[in-house]
Amino acid sequence: MTRLEQLRALTRHLTIAHHIPGRVRFKLKLGALASPELGQLSQVGQLKQMIETMPGIRDLRVNPAALSCVVEYDPAKIPPPLWESLLGAEECEQVTQALDRIEHHYQTFARS
């Protein structure tokens, strides 16, 4: 499965509920909890730690009861339109570059 296919498998369960530059709220669709792609919810804490340490991310708050999370970010490092492109798993240079940065960060985080 390619990175874009993996991204699509995950993002099909998410919507952007609200977005202003520097802050985006994601909602998880109710049926997603039964999804095999999200079957590793026991690892949410580790995923949260990894995302919080990514360049450009200022804060990440998860609200399990509301099935949502808020990401505060630096719009100078993460262009606001990139969130829509990532959520749509668009085949474009910006998404490819973002996935490269995410993958590099993940590998660095996994080693520590």
PDB file of N, CA and C in Angstrom:
ATOM      1  N   MET A   1       0.846  -1.176   0.000  1.00  0.00           N
ATOM      2  CA  MET A   1       0.000   0.000   0.000  1.00  0.00           C
ATOM      3  C   MET A   1       0.894   1.243   0.000  1.00  0.00           C
ATOM      4  N   THR A   2       0.645   2.160  -0.909  1.00  0.00           N
ATOM      5  CA  THR A   2       1.457   3.378  -0.994  1.00  0.00           C
ATOM      6  C   THR A   2       1.109   4.311   0.171  1.00  0.00           C
ATOM      7  N   ARG A   3       1.954   5.305   0.376  1.00  0.00           N
ATOM      8  CA  ARG A   3       1.699   6.266   1.452  1.00  0.00           C
ATOM      9  C   ARG A   3       0.391   7.017   1.223  1.00  0.00           C
ATOM     10  N   LEU A   4       0.103   7.368  -0.027  1.00  0.00           N
ATOM     11  CA  LEU A   4      -1.158   8.060  -0.314  1.00  0.00           C
ATOM     12  C   LEU A   4      -2.353   7.151  -0.023  1.00  0.00           C
ATOM     13  N   GLU A   5      -2.239   5.878  -0.340  1.00  0.00           N
ATOM     14  CA  GLU A   5      -3.327   4.940  -0.043  1.00  0.00           C
ATOM     15  C   GLU A   5      -3.516   4.804   1.471  1.00  0.00           C
ATOM     16  N   GLN A   6      -2.410   4.757   2.215  1.00  0.00           N
ATOM     17  CA  GLN A   6      -2.498   4.700   3.671  1.00  0.00           C
ATOM     18  C   GLN A   6      -3.151   5.968   4.213  1.00  0.00           C
ATOM     19  N   LEU A   7      -2.740   7.111   3.671  1.00  0.00           N
ATOM     20  CA  LEU A   7      -3.310   8.381   4.098  1.00  0.00           C
ATOM     21  C   LEU A   7      -4.803   8.410   3.805  1.00  0.00           C
ATOM     22  N   ARG A   8      -5.198   7.962   2.614  1.00  0.00           N
ATOM     23  CA  ARG A   8      -6.625   7.934   2.260  1.00  0.00           C
ATOM     24  C   ARG A   8      -7.404   7.014   3.188  1.00  0.00           C
ATOM     25  N   ALA A   9      -6.809   5.870   3.546  1.00  0.00           N
ATOM     26  CA  ALA A   9      -7.492   4.920   4.431  1.00  0.00           C
ATOM     27  C   ALA A   9      -7.777   5.554   5.790  1.00  0.00           C
ATOM     28  N   LEU A  10      -6.873   6.378   6.267  1.00  0.00           N
ATOM     29  CA  LEU A  10      -7.084   7.037   7.561  1.00  0.00           C
ATOM     30  C   LEU A  10      -7.968   8.275   7.443  1.00  0.00           C
ATOM     31  N   THR A  11      -7.698   9.103   6.443  1.00  0.00           N
ATOM     32  CA  THR A  11      -8.398  10.390   6.367  1.00  0.00           C
ATOM     33  C   THR A  11      -9.857  10.261   5.938  1.00  0.00           C
ATOM     34  N   ARG A  12     -10.228   9.142   5.394  1.00  0.00           N
ATOM     35  CA  ARG A  12     -11.644   8.985   5.026  1.00  0.00           C
ATOM     36  C   ARG A  12     -12.536   8.972   6.260  1.00  0.00           C
ATOM     37  N   HIS A  13     -11.925   8.817   7.426  1.00  0.00           N
ATOM     38  CA  HIS A  13     -12.669   8.806   8.681  1.00  0.00           C
ATOM     39  C   HIS A  13     -12.682  10.173   9.359  1.00  0.00           C
ATOM     40  N   LEU A  14     -12.015  11.157   8.765  1.00  0.00           N
ATOM     41  CA  LEU A  14     -11.879  12.470   9.391  1.00  0.00           C
ATOM     42  C   LEU A  14     -12.549  13.565   8.569  1.00  0.00           C
ATOM     43  N   THR A  15     -12.995  14.582   9.269  1.00  0.00           N
ATOM     44  CA  THR A  15     -13.458  15.798   8.616  1.00  0.00           C
ATOM     45  C   THR A  15     -12.848  16.980   9.372  1.00  0.00           C
ATOM     46  N   ILE A  16     -12.706  18.080   8.673  1.00  0.00           N
ATOM     47  CA  ILE A  16     -12.273  19.308   9.330  1.00  0.00           C
ATOM     48  C   ILE A  16     -13.541  20.011   9.794  1.00  0.00           C
ATOM     49  N   ALA A  17     -13.678  20.119  11.110  1.00  0.00           N
ATOM     50  CA  ALA A  17     -14.863  20.757  11.676  1.00  0.00           C
ATOM     51  C   ALA A  17     -14.712  22.269  11.712  1.00  0.00           C
ATOM     52  N   HIS A  18     -13.493  22.737  11.889  1.00  0.00           N
ATOM     53  CA  HIS A  18     -13.249  24.173  11.982  1.00  0.00           C
ATOM     54  C   HIS A  18     -11.776  24.415  11.704  1.00  0.00           C
ATOM     55  N   HIS A  19     -11.484  25.503  10.987  1.00  0.00           N
ATOM     56  CA  HIS A  19     -10.091  25.788  10.672  1.00  0.00           C
ATOM     57  C   HIS A  19      -9.885  27.285  10.515  1.00  0.00           C
ATOM     58  N   ILE A  20      -8.975  27.798  11.290  1.00  0.00           N
ATOM     59  CA  ILE A  20      -8.454  29.147  11.090  1.00  0.00           C
ATOM     60  C   ILE A  20      -6.944  28.981  11.047  1.00  0.00           C
ATOM     61  N   PRO A  21      -6.229  29.833  10.337  1.00  0.00           N
ATOM     62  CA  PRO A  21      -4.778  29.667  10.291  1.00  0.00           C
ATOM     63  C   PRO A  21      -4.183  29.580  11.704  1.00  0.00           C
ATOM     64  N   GLY A  22      -3.483  28.480  11.949  1.00  0.00           N
ATOM     65  CA  GLY A  22      -2.866  28.245  13.241  1.00  0.00           C
ATOM     66  C   GLY A  22      -3.626  27.281  14.132  1.00  0.00           C
ATOM     67  N   ARG A  23      -4.858  26.921  13.725  1.00  0.00           N
ATOM     68  CA  ARG A  23      -5.664  26.023  14.557  1.00  0.00           C
ATOM     69  C   ARG A  23      -6.667  25.274  13.680  1.00  0.00           C
ATOM     70  N   VAL A  24      -6.665  23.947  13.797  1.00  0.00           N
ATOM     71  CA  VAL A  24      -7.602  23.131  13.027  1.00  0.00           C
ATOM     72  C   VAL A  24      -8.211  22.075  13.958  1.00  0.00           C
ATOM     73  N   ARG A  25      -9.536  21.903  13.840  1.00  0.00           N
ATOM     74  CA  ARG A  25     -10.229  20.875  14.627  1.00  0.00           C
ATOM     75  C   ARG A  25     -10.695  19.782  13.680  1.00  0.00           C
ATOM     76  N   PHE A  26     -10.317  18.554  14.007  1.00  0.00           N
ATOM     77  CA  PHE A  26     -10.732  17.383  13.242  1.00  0.00           C
ATOM     78  C   PHE A  26     -11.794  16.625  14.013  1.00  0.00           C
ATOM     79  N   LYS A  27     -12.767  16.097  13.284  1.00  0.00           N
ATOM     80  CA  LYS A  27     -13.789  15.229  13.875  1.00  0.00           C
ATOM     81  C   LYS A  27     -13.633  13.845  13.261  1.00  0.00           C
ATOM     82  N   LEU A  28     -13.724  12.849  14.122  1.00  0.00           N
ATOM     83  CA  LEU A  28     -13.674  11.458  13.696  1.00  0.00           C
ATOM     84  C   LEU A  28     -15.106  11.007  13.455  1.00  0.00           C
ATOM     85  N   LYS A  29     -15.367  10.424  12.301  1.00  0.00           N
ATOM     86  CA  LYS A  29     -16.711   9.944  11.995  1.00  0.00           C
ATOM     87  C   LYS A  29     -17.058   8.789  12.933  1.00  0.00           C
ATOM     88  N   LEU A  30     -18.297   8.739  13.372  1.00  0.00           N
ATOM     89  CA  LEU A  30     -18.733   7.779  14.374  1.00  0.00           C
ATOM     90  C   LEU A  30     -18.426   6.331  13.988  1.00  0.00           C
ATOM     91  N   GLY A  31     -18.675   5.966  12.761  1.00  0.00           N
ATOM     92  CA  GLY A  31     -18.444   4.595  12.326  1.00  0.00           C
ATOM     93  C   GLY A  31     -16.973   4.199  12.264  1.00  0.00           C
ATOM     94  N   ALA A  32     -16.082   5.155  12.403  1.00  0.00           N
ATOM     95  CA  ALA A  32     -14.650   4.898  12.281  1.00  0.00           C
ATOM     96  C   ALA A  32     -14.113   4.011  13.389  1.00  0.00           C
ATOM     97  N   LEU A  33     -14.767   3.995  14.533  1.00  0.00           N
ATOM     98  CA  LEU A  33     -14.258   3.223  15.662  1.00  0.00           C
ATOM     99  C   LEU A  33     -14.224   1.726  15.358  1.00  0.00           C
ATOM    100  N   ALA A  34     -15.060   1.273  14.448  1.00  0.00           N
ATOM    101  CA  ALA A  34     -15.078  -0.140  14.072  1.00  0.00           C
ATOM    102  C   ALA A  34     -14.144  -0.426  12.898  1.00  0.00           C
ATOM    103  N   SER A  35     -13.473   0.599  12.410  1.00  0.00           N
ATOM    104  CA  SER A  35     -12.629   0.456  11.231  1.00  0.00           C
ATOM    105  C   SER A  35     -11.314  -0.251  11.552  1.00  0.00           C
ATOM    106  N   PRO A  36     -10.888  -1.180  10.691  1.00  0.00           N
ATOM    107  CA  PRO A  36      -9.593  -1.836  10.922  1.00  0.00           C
ATOM    108  C   PRO A  36      -8.420  -0.856  10.854  1.00  0.00           C
ATOM    109  N   GLU A  37      -8.548   0.216  10.062  1.00  0.00           N
ATOM    110  CA  GLU A  37      -7.470   1.200   9.962  1.00  0.00           C
ATOM    111  C   GLU A  37      -7.215   1.890  11.298  1.00  0.00           C
ATOM    112  N   LEU A  38      -8.250   1.989  12.108  1.00  0.00           N
ATOM    113  CA  LEU A  38      -8.127   2.678  13.391  1.00  0.00           C
ATOM    114  C   LEU A  38      -8.168   1.689  14.550  1.00  0.00           C
ATOM    115  N   GLY A  39      -7.889   0.453  14.260  1.00  0.00           N
ATOM    116  CA  GLY A  39      -7.928  -0.583  15.284  1.00  0.00           C
ATOM    117  C   GLY A  39      -6.855  -0.452  16.342  1.00  0.00           C
ATOM    118  N   GLN A  40      -5.858   0.359  16.094  1.00  0.00           N
ATOM    119  CA  GLN A  40      -4.755   0.513  17.046  1.00  0.00           C
ATOM    120  C   GLN A  40      -4.965   1.720  17.958  1.00  0.00           C
ATOM    121  N   LEU A  41      -6.187   1.976  18.359  1.00  0.00           N
ATOM    122  CA  LEU A  41      -6.463   3.141  19.196  1.00  0.00           C
ATOM    123  C   LEU A  41      -5.763   3.075  20.544  1.00  0.00           C
ATOM    124  N   SER A  42      -5.276   1.892  20.930  1.00  0.00           N
ATOM    125  CA  SER A  42      -4.529   1.779  22.180  1.00  0.00           C
ATOM    126  C   SER A  42      -3.209   2.542  22.090  1.00  0.00           C
ATOM    127  N   GLN A  43      -2.790   2.883  20.873  1.00  0.00           N
ATOM    128  CA  GLN A  43      -1.529   3.580  20.677  1.00  0.00           C
ATOM    129  C   GLN A  43      -1.725   5.082  20.501  1.00  0.00           C
ATOM    130  N   VAL A  44      -2.891   5.608  20.864  1.00  0.00           N
ATOM    131  CA  VAL A  44      -3.174   7.027  20.686  1.00  0.00           C
ATOM    132  C   VAL A  44      -2.179   7.886  21.453  1.00  0.00           C
ATOM    133  N   GLY A  45      -1.823   7.491  22.664  1.00  0.00           N
ATOM    134  CA  GLY A  45      -0.877   8.272  23.464  1.00  0.00           C
ATOM    135  C   GLY A  45       0.465   8.416  22.781  1.00  0.00           C
ATOM    136  N   GLN A  46       0.969   7.328  22.220  1.00  0.00           N
ATOM    137  CA  GLN A  46       2.253   7.375  21.511  1.00  0.00           C
ATOM    138  C   GLN A  46       2.135   8.221  20.247  1.00  0.00           C
ATOM    139  N   LEU A  47       1.030   8.089  19.526  1.00  0.00           N
ATOM    140  CA  LEU A  47       0.823   8.892  18.323  1.00  0.00           C
ATOM    141  C   LEU A  47       0.748  10.377  18.681  1.00  0.00           C
ATOM    142  N   LYS A  48       0.054  10.692  19.769  1.00  0.00           N
ATOM    143  CA  LYS A  48      -0.063  12.079  20.220  1.00  0.00           C
ATOM    144  C   LYS A  48       1.321  12.654  20.532  1.00  0.00           C
ATOM    145  N   GLN A  49       2.150  11.888  21.231  1.00  0.00           N
ATOM    146  CA  GLN A  49       3.511  12.344  21.544  1.00  0.00           C
ATOM    147  C   GLN A  49       4.309  12.601  20.283  1.00  0.00           C
ATOM    148  N   MET A  50       4.192  11.709  19.308  1.00  0.00           N
ATOM    149  CA  MET A  50       4.943  11.860  18.063  1.00  0.00           C
ATOM    150  C   MET A  50       4.497  13.106  17.315  1.00  0.00           C
ATOM    151  N   ILE A  51       3.182  13.336  17.228  1.00  0.00           N
ATOM    152  CA  ILE A  51       2.667  14.496  16.499  1.00  0.00           C
ATOM    153  C   ILE A  51       3.062  15.790  17.194  1.00  0.00           C
ATOM    154  N   GLU A  52       2.985  15.805  18.518  1.00  0.00           N
ATOM    155  CA  GLU A  52       3.322  17.021  19.268  1.00  0.00           C
ATOM    156  C   GLU A  52       4.767  17.466  19.062  1.00  0.00           C
ATOM    157  N   THR A  53       5.645  16.537  18.745  1.00  0.00           N
ATOM    158  CA  THR A  53       7.055  16.886  18.575  1.00  0.00           C
ATOM    159  C   THR A  53       7.414  17.226  17.130  1.00  0.00           C
ATOM    160  N   MET A  54       6.436  17.176  16.237  1.00  0.00           N
ATOM    161  CA  MET A  54       6.708  17.488  14.840  1.00  0.00           C
ATOM    162  C   MET A  54       6.961  18.979  14.660  1.00  0.00           C
ATOM    163  N   PRO A  55       7.911  19.341  13.792  1.00  0.00           N
ATOM    164  CA  PRO A  55       8.152  20.765  13.527  1.00  0.00           C
ATOM    165  C   PRO A  55       6.887  21.449  13.022  1.00  0.00           C
ATOM    166  N   GLY A  56       6.576  22.577  13.626  1.00  0.00           N
ATOM    167  CA  GLY A  56       5.405  23.349  13.225  1.00  0.00           C
ATOM    168  C   GLY A  56       4.178  23.090  14.075  1.00  0.00           C
ATOM    169  N   ILE A  57       4.161  21.995  14.833  1.00  0.00           N
ATOM    170  CA  ILE A  57       3.023  21.687  15.700  1.00  0.00           C
ATOM    171  C   ILE A  57       3.279  22.313  17.066  1.00  0.00           C
ATOM    172  N   ARG A  58       2.340  23.118  17.515  1.00  0.00           N
ATOM    173  CA  ARG A  58       2.473  23.785  18.821  1.00  0.00           C
ATOM    174  C   ARG A  58       1.778  23.011  19.931  1.00  0.00           C
ATOM    175  N   ASP A  59       0.618  22.418  19.607  1.00  0.00           N
ATOM    176  CA  ASP A  59      -0.152  21.715  20.624  1.00  0.00           C
ATOM    177  C   ASP A  59      -1.135  20.776  19.943  1.00  0.00           C
ATOM    178  N   LEU A  60      -1.466  19.707  20.624  1.00  0.00           N
ATOM    179  CA  LEU A  60      -2.455  18.748  20.140  1.00  0.00           C
ATOM    180  C   LEU A  60      -3.306  18.343  21.335  1.00  0.00           C
ATOM    181  N   ARG A  61      -4.604  18.573  21.214  1.00  0.00           N
ATOM    182  CA  ARG A  61      -5.525  18.193  22.280  1.00  0.00           C
ATOM    183  C   ARG A  61      -6.544  17.207  21.708  1.00  0.00           C
ATOM    184  N   VAL A  62      -6.682  16.084  22.371  1.00  0.00           N
ATOM    185  CA  VAL A  62      -7.619  15.049  21.946  1.00  0.00           C
ATOM    186  C   VAL A  62      -8.786  15.027  22.916  1.00  0.00           C
ATOM    187  N   ASN A  63      -9.999  14.984  22.361  1.00  0.00           N
ATOM    188  CA  ASN A  63     -11.208  14.881  23.162  1.00  0.00           C
ATOM    189  C   ASN A  63     -11.925  13.596  22.741  1.00  0.00           C
ATOM    190  N   PRO A  64     -11.624  12.476  23.429  1.00  0.00           N
ATOM    191  CA  PRO A  64     -12.226  11.193  23.030  1.00  0.00           C
ATOM    192  C   PRO A  64     -13.758  11.200  23.102  1.00  0.00           C
ATOM    193  N   ALA A  65     -14.324  11.888  24.081  1.00  0.00           N
ATOM    194  CA  ALA A  65     -15.781  11.906  24.223  1.00  0.00           C
ATOM    195  C   ALA A  65     -16.454  12.575  23.024  1.00  0.00           C
ATOM    196  N   ALA A  66     -15.799  13.590  22.464  1.00  0.00           N
ATOM    197  CA  ALA A  66     -16.358  14.311  21.313  1.00  0.00           C
ATOM    198  C   ALA A  66     -15.837  13.767  19.984  1.00  0.00           C
ATOM    199  N   LEU A  67     -14.972  12.756  20.056  1.00  0.00           N
ATOM    200  CA  LEU A  67     -14.341  12.196  18.854  1.00  0.00           C
ATOM    201  C   LEU A  67     -13.697  13.303  18.019  1.00  0.00           C
ATOM    202  N   SER A  68     -12.939  14.156  18.699  1.00  0.00           N
ATOM    203  CA  SER A  68     -12.298  15.255  17.988  1.00  0.00           C
ATOM    204  C   SER A  68     -10.901  15.511  18.542  1.00  0.00           C
ATOM    205  N   CYS A  69     -10.142  16.254  17.759  1.00  0.00           N
ATOM    206  CA  CYS A  69      -8.847  16.726  18.238  1.00  0.00           C
ATOM    207  C   CYS A  69      -8.588  18.094  17.622  1.00  0.00           C
ATOM    208  N   VAL A  70      -7.862  18.906  18.379  1.00  0.00           N
ATOM    209  CA  VAL A  70      -7.489  20.238  17.930  1.00  0.00           C
ATOM    210  C   VAL A  70      -5.976  20.260  17.787  1.00  0.00           C
ATOM    211  N   VAL A  71      -5.520  20.740  16.642  1.00  0.00           N
ATOM    212  CA  VAL A  71      -4.096  20.891  16.394  1.00  0.00           C
ATOM    213  C   VAL A  71      -3.812  22.380  16.264  1.00  0.00           C
ATOM    214  N   GLU A  72      -2.933  22.871  17.122  1.00  0.00           N
ATOM    215  CA  GLU A  72      -2.461  24.245  16.985  1.00  0.00           C
ATOM    216  C   GLU A  72      -1.100  24.158  16.316  1.00  0.00           C
ATOM    217  N   TYR A  73      -0.906  24.984  15.294  1.00  0.00           N
ATOM    218  CA  TYR A  73       0.300  24.869  14.483  1.00  0.00           C
ATOM    219  C   TYR A  73       0.798  26.245  14.065  1.00  0.00           C
ATOM    220  N   ASP A  74       2.023  26.276  13.584  1.00  0.00           N
ATOM    221  CA  ASP A  74       2.634  27.500  13.089  1.00  0.00           C
ATOM    222  C   ASP A  74       2.340  27.598  11.590  1.00  0.00           C
ATOM    223  N   PRO A  75       1.482  28.544  11.174  1.00  0.00           N
ATOM    224  CA  PRO A  75       1.141  28.633   9.748  1.00  0.00           C
ATOM    225  C   PRO A  75       2.321  29.020   8.862  1.00  0.00           C
ATOM    226  N   ALA A  76       3.407  29.516   9.450  1.00  0.00           N
ATOM    227  CA  ALA A  76       4.604  29.810   8.655  1.00  0.00           C
ATOM    228  C   ALA A  76       5.340  28.523   8.286  1.00  0.00           C
ATOM    229  N   LYS A  77       5.164  27.480   9.094  1.00  0.00           N
ATOM    230  CA  LYS A  77       5.831  26.196   8.826  1.00  0.00           C
ATOM    231  C   LYS A  77       4.907  25.199   8.145  1.00  0.00           C
ATOM    232  N   ILE A  78       3.624  25.285   8.440  1.00  0.00           N
ATOM    233  CA  ILE A  78       2.631  24.395   7.825  1.00  0.00           C
ATOM    234  C   ILE A  78       1.579  25.298   7.181  1.00  0.00           C
ATOM    235  N   PRO A  79       1.619  25.436   5.853  1.00  0.00           N
ATOM    236  CA  PRO A  79       0.659  26.316   5.180  1.00  0.00           C
ATOM    237  C   PRO A  79      -0.785  25.851   5.440  1.00  0.00           C
ATOM    238  N   PRO A  80      -1.674  26.759   5.829  1.00  0.00           N
ATOM    239  CA  PRO A  80      -3.057  26.362   6.132  1.00  0.00           C
ATOM    240  C   PRO A  80      -3.741  25.516   5.045  1.00  0.00           C
ATOM    241  N   PRO A  81      -3.566  25.801   3.740  1.00  0.00           N
ATOM    242  CA  PRO A  81      -4.234  24.958   2.737  1.00  0.00           C
ATOM    243  C   PRO A  81      -3.742  23.506   2.711  1.00  0.00           C
ATOM    244  N   LEU A  82      -2.575  23.255   3.310  1.00  0.00           N
ATOM    245  CA  LEU A  82      -2.029  21.889   3.297  1.00  0.00           C
ATOM    246  C   LEU A  82      -2.927  20.914   4.060  1.00  0.00           C
ATOM    247  N   TRP A  83      -3.636  21.388   5.080  1.00  0.00           N
ATOM    248  CA  TRP A  83      -4.504  20.487   5.846  1.00  0.00           C
ATOM    249  C   TRP A  83      -5.586  19.877   4.963  1.00  0.00           C
ATOM    250  N   GLU A  84      -6.219  20.688   4.127  1.00  0.00           N
ATOM    251  CA  GLU A  84      -7.251  20.175   3.213  1.00  0.00           C
ATOM    252  C   GLU A  84      -6.641  19.195   2.211  1.00  0.00           C
ATOM    253  N   SER A  85      -5.445  19.531   1.714  1.00  0.00           N
ATOM    254  CA  SER A  85      -4.778  18.649   0.754  1.00  0.00           C
ATOM    255  C   SER A  85      -4.414  17.319   1.392  1.00  0.00           C
ATOM    256  N   LEU A  86      -3.924  17.352   2.630  1.00  0.00           N
ATOM    257  CA  LEU A  86      -3.599  16.109   3.329  1.00  0.00           C
ATOM    258  C   LEU A  86      -4.854  15.297   3.601  1.00  0.00           C
ATOM    259  N   LEU A  87      -5.909  15.960   4.054  1.00  0.00           N
ATOM    260  CA  LEU A  87      -7.141  15.247   4.361  1.00  0.00           C
ATOM    261  C   LEU A  87      -7.742  14.621   3.104  1.00  0.00           C
ATOM    262  N   GLY A  88      -7.567  15.279   1.975  1.00  0.00           N
ATOM    263  CA  GLY A  88      -8.049  14.738   0.709  1.00  0.00           C
ATOM    264  C   GLY A  88      -7.068  13.780   0.059  1.00  0.00           C
ATOM    265  N   ALA A  89      -5.890  13.606   0.697  1.00  0.00           N
ATOM    266  CA  ALA A  89      -4.825  12.745   0.165  1.00  0.00           C
ATOM    267  C   ALA A  89      -4.592  13.042  -1.318  1.00  0.00           C
ATOM    268  N   GLU A  90      -4.502  14.342  -1.616  1.00  0.00           N
ATOM    269  CA  GLU A  90      -4.306  14.766  -3.001  1.00  0.00           C
ATOM    270  C   GLU A  90      -2.931  14.345  -3.508  1.00  0.00           C
ATOM    271  N   GLU A  91      -2.885  14.034  -4.774  1.00  0.00           N
ATOM    272  CA  GLU A  91      -1.614  13.710  -5.414  1.00  0.00           C
ATOM    273  C   GLU A  91      -0.990  14.994  -5.923  1.00  0.00           C
ATOM    274  N   CYS A  92      -0.234  15.650  -5.037  1.00  0.00           N
ATOM    275  CA  CYS A  92       0.421  16.892  -5.408  1.00  0.00           C
ATOM    276  C   CYS A  92       1.756  16.976  -4.673  1.00  0.00           C
ATOM    277  N   GLU A  93       2.600  17.868  -5.140  1.00  0.00           N
ATOM    278  CA  GLU A  93       3.948  17.997  -4.580  1.00  0.00           C
ATOM    279  C   GLU A  93       3.926  18.353  -3.099  1.00  0.00           C
ATOM    280  N   GLN A  94       3.010  19.250  -2.689  1.00  0.00           N
ATOM    281  CA  GLN A  94       2.959  19.642  -1.276  1.00  0.00           C
ATOM    282  C   GLN A  94       2.646  18.458  -0.372  1.00  0.00           C
ATOM    283  N   VAL A  95       1.720  17.600  -0.777  1.00  0.00           N
ATOM    284  CA  VAL A  95       1.362  16.428   0.029  1.00  0.00           C
ATOM    285  C   VAL A  95       2.530  15.455   0.060  1.00  0.00           C
ATOM    286  N   THR A  96       3.169  15.235  -1.076  1.00  0.00           N
ATOM    287  CA  THR A  96       4.325  14.333  -1.128  1.00  0.00           C
ATOM    288  C   THR A  96       5.428  14.830  -0.199  1.00  0.00           C
ATOM    289  N   GLN A  97       5.720  16.130  -0.246  1.00  0.00           N
ATOM    290  CA  GLN A  97       6.746  16.690   0.628  1.00  0.00           C
ATOM    291  C   GLN A  97       6.353  16.577   2.093  1.00  0.00           C
ATOM    292  N   ALA A  98       5.081  16.832   2.404  1.00  0.00           N
ATOM    293  CA  ALA A  98       4.611  16.716   3.788  1.00  0.00           C
ATOM    294  C   ALA A  98       4.726  15.276   4.267  1.00  0.00           C
ATOM    295  N   LEU A  99       4.357  14.317   3.420  1.00  0.00           N
ATOM    296  CA  LEU A  99       4.477  12.911   3.797  1.00  0.00           C
ATOM    297  C   LEU A  99       5.935  12.522   4.010  1.00  0.00           C
ATOM    298  N   ASP A 100       6.835  13.065   3.194  1.00  0.00           N
ATOM    299  CA  ASP A 100       8.270  12.817   3.392  1.00  0.00           C
ATOM    300  C   ASP A 100       8.716  13.323   4.755  1.00  0.00           C
ATOM    301  N   ARG A 101       8.289  14.549   5.114  1.00  0.00           N
ATOM    302  CA  ARG A 101       8.668  15.119   6.418  1.00  0.00           C
ATOM    303  C   ARG A 101       8.066  14.307   7.568  1.00  0.00           C
ATOM    304  N   ILE A 102       6.809  13.891   7.423  1.00  0.00           N
ATOM    305  CA  ILE A 102       6.151  13.092   8.459  1.00  0.00           C
ATOM    306  C   ILE A 102       6.867  11.757   8.621  1.00  0.00           C
ATOM    307  N   GLU A 103       7.180  11.118   7.500  1.00  0.00           N
ATOM    308  CA  GLU A 103       7.861   9.820   7.556  1.00  0.00           C
ATOM    309  C   GLU A 103       9.239   9.953   8.203  1.00  0.00           C
ATOM    310  N   HIS A 104       9.982  10.995   7.849  1.00  0.00           N
ATOM    311  CA  HIS A 104      11.297  11.223   8.436  1.00  0.00           C
ATOM    312  C   HIS A 104      11.158  11.447   9.950  1.00  0.00           C
ATOM    313  N   HIS A 105      10.195  12.266  10.334  1.00  0.00           N
ATOM    314  CA  HIS A 105       9.982  12.534  11.752  1.00  0.00           C
ATOM    315  C   HIS A 105       9.591  11.255  12.487  1.00  0.00           C
ATOM    316  N   TYR A 106       8.724  10.450  11.883  1.00  0.00           N
ATOM    317  CA  TYR A 106       8.291   9.196  12.496  1.00  0.00           C
ATOM    318  C   TYR A 106       9.481   8.268  12.722  1.00  0.00           C
ATOM    319  N   GLN A 107      10.341   8.147  11.716  1.00  0.00           N
ATOM    320  CA  GLN A 107      11.506   7.268  11.859  1.00  0.00           C
ATOM    321  C   GLN A 107      12.441   7.769  12.950  1.00  0.00           C
ATOM    322  N   THR A 108      12.634   9.081  13.033  1.00  0.00           N
ATOM    323  CA  THR A 108      13.471   9.658  14.072  1.00  0.00           C
ATOM    324  C   THR A 108      12.829   9.426  15.442  1.00  0.00           C
ATOM    325  N   PHE A 109      11.527   9.641  15.542  1.00  0.00           N
ATOM    326  CA  PHE A 109      10.803   9.458  16.808  1.00  0.00           C
ATOM    327  C   PHE A 109      10.855   7.996  17.251  1.00  0.00           C
ATOM    328  N   ALA A 110      10.695   7.075  16.310  1.00  0.00           N
ATOM    329  CA  ALA A 110      10.674   5.643  16.637  1.00  0.00           C
ATOM    330  C   ALA A 110      12.013   5.168  17.187  1.00  0.00           C
ATOM    331  N   ARG A 111      13.092   5.803  16.754  1.00  0.00           N
ATOM    332  CA  ARG A 111      14.442   5.427  17.225  1.00  0.00           C
ATOM    333  C   ARG A 111      14.729   5.933  18.646  1.00  0.00           C
ATOM    334  N   SER A 112      13.999   6.972  19.051  1.00  0.00           N
ATOM    335  CA  SER A 112      14.315   7.572  20.371  1.00  0.00           C
ATOM    336  C   SER A 112      13.597   6.885  21.503  1.00  0.00           C
TER     337      SER A 112
END
